[in-house]
Amino acid sequence: MRHGKKVNHLGRTDSHRKAMMSNMASSLILHKRITTTLAKAKALRVYVEPLLTKSKNDTTHSRRTVFSYLQDKDTVNILFREIAEKIANRPGGYTRIVKLENRLGDNAEMAIIELVDYNTVYGKDVAAKTEKKSRRRGGSGKGKAAAATTEAAPAATEETAVETAPVAEAAPAVEEAPEAEAPKASDKEENAEKGE
């Protein structure tokens, strides 16, 4: 039974694992995005997100606490100056893990772990997609719908005059449709007489 075993040891001793997590966290803070195995990325997310939360509160105590994990003065300065400003309004979830193709040599699952607020590749596309979703729903903005109806009222009188002509054209099309279906019914009767 594995009760209480939350930490993935990653096949390493305690000291090696702590050193590796510290180095990977420093690399993530400096470069904003790193490529690693999926297991290491998930372990790094658990390691680095509390440090990012501590960086929001810029006190001597929180700086010393983060330094005890990272052991790199330049990384701590970047974290508390640049990154803390960007993540100030985000209530957690500072990192994103994106799966990649398996590694060629050993078929290990690979992933990119990145800071969410520093993505330059696909942040704009996500915003555009959310706008499309809101358009499909249609019922989210009552104030917008009321404004749209007041603007559409003058145009509605023009549209009614235009719509009368297409309605007259649509009626013959409806009359033609039953005539087209009638031969199909007679075809069925002929096939029934032939025994098909």
N, C-alpha and C. Protein backbone atom coordinates (compact mmCIF):
# COMPACT_ATOMS: atom_id res chain seq x y z
N MET A 1 0.84 -1.19 0.00
CA MET A 1 0.00 0.00 0.00
C MET A 1 0.88 1.25 0.00
N ARG A 2 0.41 2.29 -0.67
CA ARG A 2 1.21 3.51 -0.81
C ARG A 2 0.59 4.68 -0.06
N HIS A 3 0.08 4.44 1.13
CA HIS A 3 -0.55 5.51 1.89
C HIS A 3 0.47 6.60 2.22
N GLY A 4 0.10 7.84 1.96
CA GLY A 4 0.95 8.98 2.35
C GLY A 4 2.18 9.18 1.49
N LYS A 5 2.31 8.48 0.37
CA LYS A 5 3.48 8.64 -0.49
C LYS A 5 3.12 9.55 -1.66
N LYS A 6 3.14 10.85 -1.40
CA LYS A 6 2.74 11.80 -2.43
C LYS A 6 3.90 12.22 -3.32
N VAL A 7 5.13 12.12 -2.84
CA VAL A 7 6.29 12.63 -3.56
C VAL A 7 6.77 11.59 -4.56
N ASN A 8 6.94 12.01 -5.81
CA ASN A 8 7.55 11.16 -6.82
C ASN A 8 9.06 11.24 -6.64
N HIS A 9 9.70 10.14 -6.31
CA HIS A 9 11.14 10.16 -6.02
C HIS A 9 11.98 10.27 -7.28
N LEU A 10 11.40 10.00 -8.45
CA LEU A 10 12.08 10.16 -9.74
C LEU A 10 13.35 9.32 -9.83
N GLY A 11 13.43 8.23 -9.08
CA GLY A 11 14.60 7.34 -9.14
C GLY A 11 15.86 7.98 -8.63
N ARG A 12 15.77 8.90 -7.68
CA ARG A 12 16.93 9.64 -7.18
C ARG A 12 16.91 9.67 -5.67
N THR A 13 18.06 9.92 -5.11
CA THR A 13 18.13 10.09 -3.66
C THR A 13 17.55 11.45 -3.30
N ASP A 14 17.34 11.68 -2.03
CA ASP A 14 16.71 12.92 -1.57
C ASP A 14 17.55 14.14 -1.93
N SER A 15 18.86 14.07 -1.70
CA SER A 15 19.71 15.22 -1.97
C SER A 15 19.79 15.50 -3.48
N HIS A 16 19.87 14.44 -4.28
CA HIS A 16 19.93 14.61 -5.73
C HIS A 16 18.63 15.21 -6.25
N ARG A 17 17.51 14.73 -5.72
CA ARG A 17 16.20 15.23 -6.16
C ARG A 17 16.03 16.70 -5.81
N LYS A 18 16.43 17.09 -4.58
CA LYS A 18 16.30 18.50 -4.18
C LYS A 18 17.19 19.40 -5.04
N ALA A 19 18.40 18.95 -5.34
CA ALA A 19 19.30 19.75 -6.17
C ALA A 19 18.74 19.88 -7.59
N MET A 20 18.20 18.78 -8.11
CA MET A 20 17.64 18.81 -9.46
C MET A 20 16.43 19.74 -9.53
N MET A 21 15.53 19.66 -8.55
CA MET A 21 14.35 20.53 -8.54
C MET A 21 14.76 21.99 -8.41
N SER A 22 15.78 22.27 -7.60
CA SER A 22 16.26 23.64 -7.45
C SER A 22 16.80 24.17 -8.77
N ASN A 23 17.61 23.36 -9.44
CA ASN A 23 18.17 23.78 -10.73
C ASN A 23 17.09 23.94 -11.80
N MET A 24 16.12 23.03 -11.83
CA MET A 24 15.06 23.14 -12.83
C MET A 24 14.17 24.36 -12.56
N ALA A 25 13.91 24.65 -11.28
CA ALA A 25 13.10 25.82 -10.93
C ALA A 25 13.84 27.10 -11.33
N SER A 26 15.14 27.13 -11.10
CA SER A 26 15.93 28.31 -11.51
C SER A 26 15.90 28.48 -13.02
N SER A 27 16.02 27.38 -13.75
CA SER A 27 15.98 27.46 -15.21
C SER A 27 14.61 27.93 -15.69
N LEU A 28 13.55 27.45 -15.05
CA LEU A 28 12.20 27.87 -15.44
C LEU A 28 12.01 29.36 -15.20
N ILE A 29 12.51 29.86 -14.08
CA ILE A 29 12.36 31.28 -13.76
C ILE A 29 13.19 32.14 -14.72
N LEU A 30 14.38 31.68 -15.07
CA LEU A 30 15.24 32.47 -15.96
C LEU A 30 14.75 32.43 -17.41
N HIS A 31 14.37 31.26 -17.89
CA HIS A 31 14.04 31.10 -19.31
C HIS A 31 12.55 31.12 -19.60
N LYS A 32 11.72 31.03 -18.57
CA LYS A 32 10.25 31.08 -18.66
C LYS A 32 9.63 29.84 -19.28
N ARG A 33 10.44 28.94 -19.86
CA ARG A 33 9.93 27.72 -20.48
C ARG A 33 11.08 26.74 -20.60
N ILE A 34 10.84 25.48 -20.17
CA ILE A 34 11.87 24.45 -20.30
C ILE A 34 11.22 23.16 -20.80
N THR A 35 12.02 22.33 -21.46
CA THR A 35 11.58 21.03 -21.95
C THR A 35 12.19 19.96 -21.08
N THR A 36 11.36 19.05 -20.60
CA THR A 36 11.82 17.98 -19.73
C THR A 36 10.86 16.80 -19.86
N THR A 37 11.09 15.76 -19.05
CA THR A 37 10.15 14.63 -19.10
C THR A 37 8.86 15.02 -18.38
N LEU A 38 7.82 14.29 -18.67
CA LEU A 38 6.51 14.60 -18.09
C LEU A 38 6.51 14.43 -16.58
N ALA A 39 7.16 13.38 -16.08
CA ALA A 39 7.20 13.15 -14.64
C ALA A 39 7.95 14.27 -13.92
N LYS A 40 9.08 14.70 -14.49
CA LYS A 40 9.84 15.80 -13.87
C LYS A 40 9.05 17.10 -13.93
N ALA A 41 8.31 17.32 -15.03
CA ALA A 41 7.52 18.55 -15.16
C ALA A 41 6.43 18.59 -14.09
N LYS A 42 5.77 17.45 -13.86
CA LYS A 42 4.73 17.43 -12.83
C LYS A 42 5.32 17.62 -11.44
N ALA A 43 6.49 17.05 -11.19
CA ALA A 43 7.14 17.23 -9.89
C ALA A 43 7.61 18.68 -9.73
N LEU A 44 8.09 19.28 -10.82
CA LEU A 44 8.55 20.67 -10.76
C LEU A 44 7.40 21.63 -10.51
N ARG A 45 6.23 21.34 -11.07
CA ARG A 45 5.08 22.21 -10.84
C ARG A 45 4.73 22.27 -9.36
N VAL A 46 4.75 21.12 -8.69
CA VAL A 46 4.46 21.08 -7.25
C VAL A 46 5.53 21.83 -6.47
N TYR A 47 6.77 21.81 -6.97
CA TYR A 47 7.89 22.45 -6.28
C TYR A 47 7.89 23.97 -6.46
N VAL A 48 7.60 24.44 -7.67
CA VAL A 48 7.82 25.85 -7.99
C VAL A 48 6.60 26.73 -7.72
N GLU A 49 5.39 26.19 -7.77
CA GLU A 49 4.22 27.05 -7.59
C GLU A 49 4.15 27.69 -6.20
N PRO A 50 4.47 26.99 -5.10
CA PRO A 50 4.51 27.69 -3.81
C PRO A 50 5.56 28.80 -3.76
N LEU A 51 6.67 28.63 -4.49
CA LEU A 51 7.69 29.68 -4.53
C LEU A 51 7.16 30.91 -5.26
N LEU A 52 6.41 30.68 -6.33
CA LEU A 52 5.82 31.80 -7.06
C LEU A 52 4.78 32.52 -6.21
N THR A 53 4.04 31.77 -5.41
CA THR A 53 3.07 32.41 -4.51
C THR A 53 3.79 33.25 -3.46
N LYS A 54 4.91 32.74 -2.93
CA LYS A 54 5.67 33.51 -1.94
C LYS A 54 6.25 34.78 -2.55
N SER A 55 6.53 34.78 -3.84
CA SER A 55 7.14 35.95 -4.46
C SER A 55 6.16 37.13 -4.55
N LYS A 56 4.87 36.86 -4.41
CA LYS A 56 3.90 37.97 -4.44
C LYS A 56 4.06 38.89 -3.24
N ASN A 57 4.51 38.34 -2.12
CA ASN A 57 4.71 39.12 -0.90
C ASN A 57 6.20 39.40 -0.76
N ASP A 58 6.64 40.59 -1.18
CA ASP A 58 8.06 40.91 -1.22
C ASP A 58 8.54 41.40 0.14
N THR A 59 8.87 40.45 1.00
CA THR A 59 9.45 40.77 2.30
C THR A 59 10.79 40.06 2.42
N THR A 60 11.57 40.47 3.39
CA THR A 60 12.86 39.83 3.60
C THR A 60 12.68 38.35 3.95
N HIS A 61 11.67 38.06 4.74
CA HIS A 61 11.44 36.68 5.13
C HIS A 61 11.10 35.80 3.93
N SER A 62 10.20 36.29 3.05
CA SER A 62 9.83 35.47 1.90
C SER A 62 11.00 35.34 0.92
N ARG A 63 11.83 36.37 0.79
CA ARG A 63 13.01 36.28 -0.07
C ARG A 63 13.98 35.22 0.46
N ARG A 64 14.18 35.22 1.78
CA ARG A 64 15.10 34.23 2.36
C ARG A 64 14.55 32.81 2.25
N THR A 65 13.24 32.68 2.39
CA THR A 65 12.62 31.36 2.25
C THR A 65 12.79 30.83 0.83
N VAL A 66 12.55 31.68 -0.17
CA VAL A 66 12.69 31.26 -1.56
C VAL A 66 14.16 31.00 -1.87
N PHE A 67 15.07 31.80 -1.32
CA PHE A 67 16.49 31.59 -1.56
C PHE A 67 16.96 30.25 -1.00
N SER A 68 16.36 29.82 0.12
CA SER A 68 16.75 28.52 0.69
C SER A 68 16.40 27.37 -0.25
N TYR A 69 15.39 27.57 -1.11
CA TYR A 69 15.03 26.55 -2.10
C TYR A 69 15.87 26.66 -3.37
N LEU A 70 16.07 27.88 -3.86
CA LEU A 70 16.70 28.07 -5.17
C LEU A 70 18.22 28.18 -5.11
N GLN A 71 18.79 28.75 -4.06
CA GLN A 71 20.24 28.91 -3.90
C GLN A 71 20.87 29.70 -5.04
N ASP A 72 20.15 30.71 -5.55
CA ASP A 72 20.68 31.52 -6.63
C ASP A 72 20.13 32.94 -6.49
N LYS A 73 21.02 33.87 -6.18
CA LYS A 73 20.60 35.24 -5.88
C LYS A 73 19.99 35.94 -7.10
N ASP A 74 20.55 35.74 -8.27
CA ASP A 74 20.03 36.39 -9.48
C ASP A 74 18.62 35.90 -9.81
N THR A 75 18.39 34.60 -9.66
CA THR A 75 17.07 34.03 -9.93
C THR A 75 16.03 34.58 -8.96
N VAL A 76 16.43 34.72 -7.69
CA VAL A 76 15.50 35.26 -6.69
C VAL A 76 15.15 36.71 -7.03
N ASN A 77 16.13 37.50 -7.48
CA ASN A 77 15.86 38.89 -7.86
C ASN A 77 14.90 38.96 -9.04
N ILE A 78 15.11 38.13 -10.04
CA ILE A 78 14.22 38.12 -11.20
C ILE A 78 12.81 37.71 -10.78
N LEU A 79 12.75 36.71 -9.90
CA LEU A 79 11.44 36.22 -9.45
C LEU A 79 10.66 37.31 -8.73
N PHE A 80 11.31 38.01 -7.82
CA PHE A 80 10.59 39.00 -7.01
C PHE A 80 10.36 40.31 -7.75
N ARG A 81 11.14 40.62 -8.77
CA ARG A 81 10.96 41.89 -9.49
C ARG A 81 10.04 41.73 -10.70
N GLU A 82 10.43 40.87 -11.63
CA GLU A 82 9.71 40.77 -12.90
C GLU A 82 8.50 39.85 -12.81
N ILE A 83 8.72 38.65 -12.35
CA ILE A 83 7.66 37.64 -12.41
C ILE A 83 6.54 37.96 -11.42
N ALA A 84 6.89 38.45 -10.24
CA ALA A 84 5.87 38.76 -9.22
C ALA A 84 4.89 39.81 -9.73
N GLU A 85 5.36 40.77 -10.53
CA GLU A 85 4.46 41.79 -11.08
C GLU A 85 3.46 41.18 -12.06
N LYS A 86 3.94 40.25 -12.88
CA LYS A 86 3.06 39.66 -13.89
C LYS A 86 2.01 38.74 -13.28
N ILE A 87 2.37 38.03 -12.20
CA ILE A 87 1.44 37.05 -11.63
C ILE A 87 0.66 37.61 -10.45
N ALA A 88 0.74 38.91 -10.22
CA ALA A 88 0.12 39.50 -9.03
C ALA A 88 -1.38 39.24 -8.95
N ASN A 89 -2.08 39.28 -10.08
CA ASN A 89 -3.54 39.13 -10.07
C ASN A 89 -4.01 37.69 -10.26
N ARG A 90 -3.08 36.78 -10.51
CA ARG A 90 -3.45 35.38 -10.78
C ARG A 90 -3.55 34.61 -9.47
N PRO A 91 -4.67 33.95 -9.21
CA PRO A 91 -4.84 33.26 -7.92
C PRO A 91 -4.34 31.80 -7.94
N GLY A 92 -3.16 31.57 -8.47
CA GLY A 92 -2.62 30.22 -8.56
C GLY A 92 -2.61 29.75 -9.99
N GLY A 93 -2.05 28.57 -10.23
CA GLY A 93 -1.98 28.04 -11.59
C GLY A 93 -1.02 28.83 -12.44
N TYR A 94 0.19 29.01 -11.96
CA TYR A 94 1.16 29.87 -12.65
C TYR A 94 1.89 29.15 -13.77
N THR A 95 1.83 27.82 -13.79
CA THR A 95 2.57 27.06 -14.80
C THR A 95 1.61 26.26 -15.67
N ARG A 96 2.08 25.94 -16.86
CA ARG A 96 1.31 25.13 -17.81
C ARG A 96 2.22 24.02 -18.31
N ILE A 97 1.69 22.81 -18.38
CA ILE A 97 2.43 21.67 -18.91
C ILE A 97 1.79 21.26 -20.23
N VAL A 98 2.60 21.23 -21.28
CA VAL A 98 2.14 20.85 -22.61
C VAL A 98 2.90 19.59 -23.02
N LYS A 99 2.18 18.53 -23.32
CA LYS A 99 2.83 17.27 -23.69
C LYS A 99 3.40 17.35 -25.10
N LEU A 100 4.53 16.69 -25.29
CA LEU A 100 5.19 16.63 -26.59
C LEU A 100 5.27 15.17 -27.04
N GLU A 101 5.91 14.95 -28.18
CA GLU A 101 6.13 13.59 -28.65
C GLU A 101 7.14 12.89 -27.75
N ASN A 102 7.11 11.58 -27.75
CA ASN A 102 8.05 10.81 -26.94
C ASN A 102 9.47 10.99 -27.46
N ARG A 103 10.42 10.90 -26.52
CA ARG A 103 11.83 11.07 -26.87
C ARG A 103 12.30 9.89 -27.72
N LEU A 104 13.16 10.16 -28.69
CA LEU A 104 13.57 9.12 -29.63
C LEU A 104 14.40 8.02 -28.95
N GLY A 105 15.31 8.39 -28.09
CA GLY A 105 16.23 7.40 -27.54
C GLY A 105 15.58 6.35 -26.67
N ASP A 106 14.77 6.79 -25.70
CA ASP A 106 14.20 5.84 -24.74
C ASP A 106 12.67 5.88 -24.70
N ASN A 107 12.05 6.61 -25.62
CA ASN A 107 10.58 6.69 -25.71
C ASN A 107 9.95 7.29 -24.45
N ALA A 108 10.69 8.16 -23.76
CA ALA A 108 10.16 8.80 -22.56
C ALA A 108 9.16 9.88 -22.95
N GLU A 109 8.11 10.03 -22.15
CA GLU A 109 7.11 11.08 -22.40
C GLU A 109 7.73 12.43 -22.09
N MET A 110 7.72 13.32 -23.08
CA MET A 110 8.33 14.64 -22.92
C MET A 110 7.24 15.70 -22.79
N ALA A 111 7.62 16.83 -22.18
CA ALA A 111 6.67 17.92 -21.98
C ALA A 111 7.41 19.24 -21.89
N ILE A 112 6.70 20.31 -22.17
CA ILE A 112 7.19 21.66 -21.94
C ILE A 112 6.46 22.18 -20.72
N ILE A 113 7.20 22.73 -19.77
CA ILE A 113 6.57 23.43 -18.65
C ILE A 113 6.93 24.89 -18.81
N GLU A 114 5.93 25.76 -18.70
CA GLU A 114 6.15 27.18 -18.94
C GLU A 114 5.34 28.00 -17.95
N LEU A 115 5.77 29.24 -17.79
CA LEU A 115 5.00 30.18 -16.97
C LEU A 115 3.86 30.71 -17.83
N VAL A 116 2.65 30.67 -17.31
CA VAL A 116 1.45 30.98 -18.09
C VAL A 116 1.47 32.41 -18.60
N ASP A 117 1.93 33.35 -17.80
CA ASP A 117 1.88 34.76 -18.18
C ASP A 117 2.95 35.16 -19.18
N TYR A 118 3.85 34.25 -19.52
CA TYR A 118 4.92 34.57 -20.45
C TYR A 118 4.78 33.86 -21.79
N ASN A 119 3.62 33.31 -22.08
CA ASN A 119 3.46 32.64 -23.38
C ASN A 119 3.27 33.69 -24.46
N THR A 120 4.06 33.59 -25.51
CA THR A 120 3.94 34.52 -26.64
C THR A 120 3.46 33.80 -27.89
N VAL A 121 3.33 32.49 -27.81
CA VAL A 121 3.00 31.71 -29.00
C VAL A 121 1.51 31.65 -29.24
N TYR A 122 0.72 31.29 -28.21
CA TYR A 122 -0.69 31.01 -28.45
C TYR A 122 -1.62 31.70 -27.46
N GLY A 123 -1.22 32.77 -26.84
CA GLY A 123 -2.10 33.50 -25.94
C GLY A 123 -3.19 34.26 -26.68
N LYS A 124 -2.86 34.80 -27.86
CA LYS A 124 -3.83 35.57 -28.63
C LYS A 124 -4.90 34.66 -29.23
N ASP A 125 -4.52 33.46 -29.66
CA ASP A 125 -5.49 32.53 -30.23
C ASP A 125 -6.51 32.10 -29.19
N VAL A 126 -6.06 31.91 -27.96
CA VAL A 126 -6.97 31.48 -26.90
C VAL A 126 -8.00 32.57 -26.63
N ALA A 127 -7.58 33.83 -26.64
CA ALA A 127 -8.52 34.93 -26.42
C ALA A 127 -9.55 34.99 -27.54
N ALA A 128 -9.11 34.76 -28.77
CA ALA A 128 -10.04 34.79 -29.90
C ALA A 128 -11.04 33.64 -29.80
N LYS A 129 -10.59 32.48 -29.34
CA LYS A 129 -11.49 31.35 -29.22
C LYS A 129 -12.54 31.60 -28.14
N THR A 130 -12.16 32.24 -27.05
CA THR A 130 -13.14 32.50 -26.00
C THR A 130 -14.20 33.48 -26.50
N GLU A 131 -13.82 34.43 -27.36
CA GLU A 131 -14.82 35.34 -27.92
C GLU A 131 -15.81 34.58 -28.78
N LYS A 132 -15.34 33.62 -29.54
CA LYS A 132 -16.24 32.85 -30.39
C LYS A 132 -17.23 32.06 -29.53
N LYS A 133 -16.77 31.52 -28.41
CA LYS A 133 -17.66 30.78 -27.53
C LYS A 133 -18.76 31.68 -26.99
N SER A 134 -18.40 32.91 -26.62
CA SER A 134 -19.42 33.80 -26.07
C SER A 134 -20.43 34.19 -27.14
N ARG A 135 -20.02 34.25 -28.40
CA ARG A 135 -20.97 34.58 -29.46
C ARG A 135 -21.96 33.45 -29.67
N ARG A 136 -21.51 32.23 -29.54
CA ARG A 136 -22.41 31.10 -29.75
C ARG A 136 -23.47 31.00 -28.67
N ARG A 137 -23.10 31.35 -27.45
CA ARG A 137 -24.04 31.20 -26.34
C ARG A 137 -25.17 32.21 -26.46
N GLY A 138 -24.84 33.47 -26.76
CA GLY A 138 -25.85 34.45 -27.05
C GLY A 138 -26.62 35.00 -25.88
N GLY A 139 -26.76 34.29 -24.78
CA GLY A 139 -27.59 34.76 -23.68
C GLY A 139 -26.83 35.40 -22.56
N SER A 140 -25.52 35.59 -22.71
CA SER A 140 -24.72 36.08 -21.59
C SER A 140 -24.88 37.59 -21.38
N GLY A 141 -25.12 38.38 -22.42
CA GLY A 141 -25.17 39.82 -22.26
C GLY A 141 -26.56 40.37 -22.49
N LYS A 142 -27.34 40.57 -21.42
CA LYS A 142 -28.70 41.09 -21.58
C LYS A 142 -28.68 42.56 -22.01
N GLY A 143 -27.72 43.32 -21.48
CA GLY A 143 -27.61 44.73 -21.84
C GLY A 143 -27.24 44.89 -23.30
N LYS A 144 -26.37 44.03 -23.79
CA LYS A 144 -25.97 44.09 -25.20
C LYS A 144 -27.13 43.73 -26.10
N ALA A 145 -27.94 42.76 -25.67
CA ALA A 145 -29.09 42.34 -26.48
C ALA A 145 -30.13 43.46 -26.58
N ALA A 146 -30.34 44.19 -25.49
CA ALA A 146 -31.30 45.30 -25.51
C ALA A 146 -30.82 46.41 -26.43
N ALA A 147 -29.52 46.71 -26.41
CA ALA A 147 -28.97 47.74 -27.28
C ALA A 147 -29.07 47.30 -28.74
N ALA A 148 -28.88 46.04 -29.00
CA ALA A 148 -28.95 45.53 -30.36
C ALA A 148 -30.38 45.61 -30.90
N THR A 149 -31.40 45.39 -30.05
CA THR A 149 -32.79 45.45 -30.51
C THR A 149 -33.18 46.89 -30.84
N THR A 150 -32.70 47.86 -30.05
CA THR A 150 -33.04 49.26 -30.35
C THR A 150 -32.40 49.71 -31.65
N GLU A 151 -31.19 49.23 -31.94
CA GLU A 151 -30.53 49.59 -33.19
C GLU A 151 -31.18 48.86 -34.36
N ALA A 152 -31.70 47.69 -34.13
CA ALA A 152 -32.27 46.89 -35.21
C ALA A 152 -33.70 47.31 -35.55
N ALA A 153 -34.38 48.08 -34.69
CA ALA A 153 -35.77 48.46 -34.92
C ALA A 153 -35.94 49.30 -36.19
N PRO A 154 -35.10 50.33 -36.45
CA PRO A 154 -35.27 51.07 -37.71
C PRO A 154 -34.98 50.20 -38.93
N ALA A 155 -34.06 49.30 -38.81
CA ALA A 155 -33.70 48.46 -39.94
C ALA A 155 -34.77 47.40 -40.18
N ALA A 156 -35.57 47.10 -39.18
CA ALA A 156 -36.59 46.04 -39.32
C ALA A 156 -37.66 46.45 -40.33
N THR A 157 -38.04 47.72 -40.38
CA THR A 157 -39.06 48.15 -41.33
C THR A 157 -38.58 47.98 -42.76
N GLU A 158 -37.28 48.24 -43.00
CA GLU A 158 -36.74 48.06 -44.34
C GLU A 158 -36.69 46.58 -44.70
N GLU A 159 -36.37 45.73 -43.72
CA GLU A 159 -36.25 44.30 -43.97
C GLU A 159 -37.61 43.68 -44.28
N THR A 160 -38.70 44.18 -43.67
CA THR A 160 -40.02 43.60 -43.92
C THR A 160 -40.44 43.81 -45.37
N ALA A 161 -40.11 44.99 -45.93
CA ALA A 161 -40.45 45.25 -47.32
C ALA A 161 -39.65 44.34 -48.25
N VAL A 162 -38.42 44.08 -47.87
CA VAL A 162 -37.57 43.23 -48.70
C VAL A 162 -38.00 41.78 -48.57
N GLU A 163 -38.47 41.38 -47.40
CA GLU A 163 -38.83 39.98 -47.16
C GLU A 163 -40.10 39.57 -47.89
N THR A 164 -41.01 40.50 -48.22
CA THR A 164 -42.25 40.13 -48.87
C THR A 164 -42.02 39.53 -50.25
N ALA A 165 -41.08 40.05 -51.00
CA ALA A 165 -40.80 39.52 -52.33
C ALA A 165 -40.22 38.10 -52.25
N PRO A 166 -39.25 37.80 -51.39
CA PRO A 166 -38.75 36.44 -51.34
C PRO A 166 -39.80 35.44 -50.88
N VAL A 167 -40.78 35.86 -50.09
CA VAL A 167 -41.81 34.93 -49.63
C VAL A 167 -42.65 34.49 -50.83
N ALA A 168 -42.94 35.43 -51.73
CA ALA A 168 -43.72 35.08 -52.92
C ALA A 168 -42.93 34.12 -53.80
N GLU A 169 -41.63 34.27 -53.89
CA GLU A 169 -40.81 33.37 -54.69
C GLU A 169 -40.70 32.00 -54.02
N ALA A 170 -40.72 31.97 -52.70
CA ALA A 170 -40.56 30.71 -51.99
C ALA A 170 -41.80 29.83 -52.13
N ALA A 171 -42.97 30.42 -52.31
CA ALA A 171 -44.20 29.63 -52.41
C ALA A 171 -44.20 28.69 -53.61
N PRO A 172 -43.80 29.12 -54.84
CA PRO A 172 -43.77 28.17 -55.96
C PRO A 172 -42.79 27.02 -55.71
N ALA A 173 -41.73 27.29 -55.01
CA ALA A 173 -40.76 26.23 -54.73
C ALA A 173 -41.40 25.16 -53.87
N VAL A 174 -42.29 25.57 -52.96
CA VAL A 174 -42.97 24.61 -52.11
C VAL A 174 -43.94 23.78 -52.94
N GLU A 175 -44.59 24.41 -53.92
CA GLU A 175 -45.54 23.69 -54.76
C GLU A 175 -44.84 22.69 -55.66
N GLU A 176 -43.62 22.99 -56.08
CA GLU A 176 -42.88 22.10 -56.96
C GLU A 176 -42.40 20.87 -56.22
N ALA A 177 -42.15 20.99 -54.97
CA ALA A 177 -41.59 19.88 -54.20
C ALA A 177 -42.53 18.67 -54.17
N PRO A 178 -43.87 18.81 -53.94
CA PRO A 178 -44.73 17.63 -53.96
C PRO A 178 -44.80 16.98 -55.33
N GLU A 179 -44.71 17.76 -56.39
CA GLU A 179 -44.72 17.18 -57.74
C GLU A 179 -43.50 16.30 -57.95
N ALA A 180 -42.37 16.72 -57.38
CA ALA A 180 -41.16 15.93 -57.54
C ALA A 180 -41.27 14.63 -56.75
N GLU A 181 -41.97 14.65 -55.63
CA GLU A 181 -42.10 13.46 -54.80
C GLU A 181 -43.12 12.48 -55.39
N ALA A 182 -44.09 12.96 -56.14
CA ALA A 182 -45.13 12.09 -56.69
C ALA A 182 -44.56 11.00 -57.60
N PRO A 183 -43.62 11.28 -58.50
CA PRO A 183 -43.09 10.20 -59.33
C PRO A 183 -42.38 9.13 -58.51
N LYS A 184 -41.80 9.50 -57.39
CA LYS A 184 -41.13 8.52 -56.55
C LYS A 184 -42.14 7.52 -56.01
N ALA A 185 -43.32 8.02 -55.63
CA ALA A 185 -44.36 7.12 -55.12
C ALA A 185 -44.82 6.17 -56.22
N SER A 186 -44.97 6.69 -57.45
CA SER A 186 -45.40 5.82 -58.55
C SER A 186 -44.31 4.81 -58.90
N ASP A 187 -43.06 5.18 -58.73
CA ASP A 187 -41.96 4.23 -58.95
C ASP A 187 -42.05 3.08 -57.98
N LYS A 188 -42.41 3.37 -56.74
CA LYS A 188 -42.54 2.32 -55.74
C LYS A 188 -43.68 1.36 -56.11
N GLU A 189 -44.77 1.93 -56.61
CA GLU A 189 -45.90 1.08 -57.00
C GLU A 189 -45.51 0.18 -58.18
N GLU A 190 -44.78 0.74 -59.14
CA GLU A 190 -44.34 -0.06 -60.29
C GLU A 190 -43.41 -1.18 -59.86
N ASN A 191 -42.51 -0.87 -58.91
CA ASN A 191 -41.60 -1.90 -58.41
C ASN A 191 -42.36 -2.99 -57.67
N ALA A 192 -43.42 -2.58 -56.95
CA ALA A 192 -44.22 -3.56 -56.20
C ALA A 192 -44.94 -4.48 -57.17
N GLU A 193 -45.43 -3.94 -58.31
CA GLU A 193 -46.12 -4.75 -59.31
C GLU A 193 -45.17 -5.74 -59.97
N LYS A 194 -43.90 -5.31 -60.15
CA LYS A 194 -42.91 -6.19 -60.78
C LYS A 194 -42.42 -7.26 -59.81
N GLY A 195 -42.64 -7.05 -58.52
CA GLY A 195 -42.21 -8.03 -57.53
C GLY A 195 -40.84 -7.71 -56.95
N GLU A 196 -40.41 -6.51 -57.09
CA GLU A 196 -39.12 -6.13 -56.57
C GLU A 196 -39.26 -5.53 -55.19
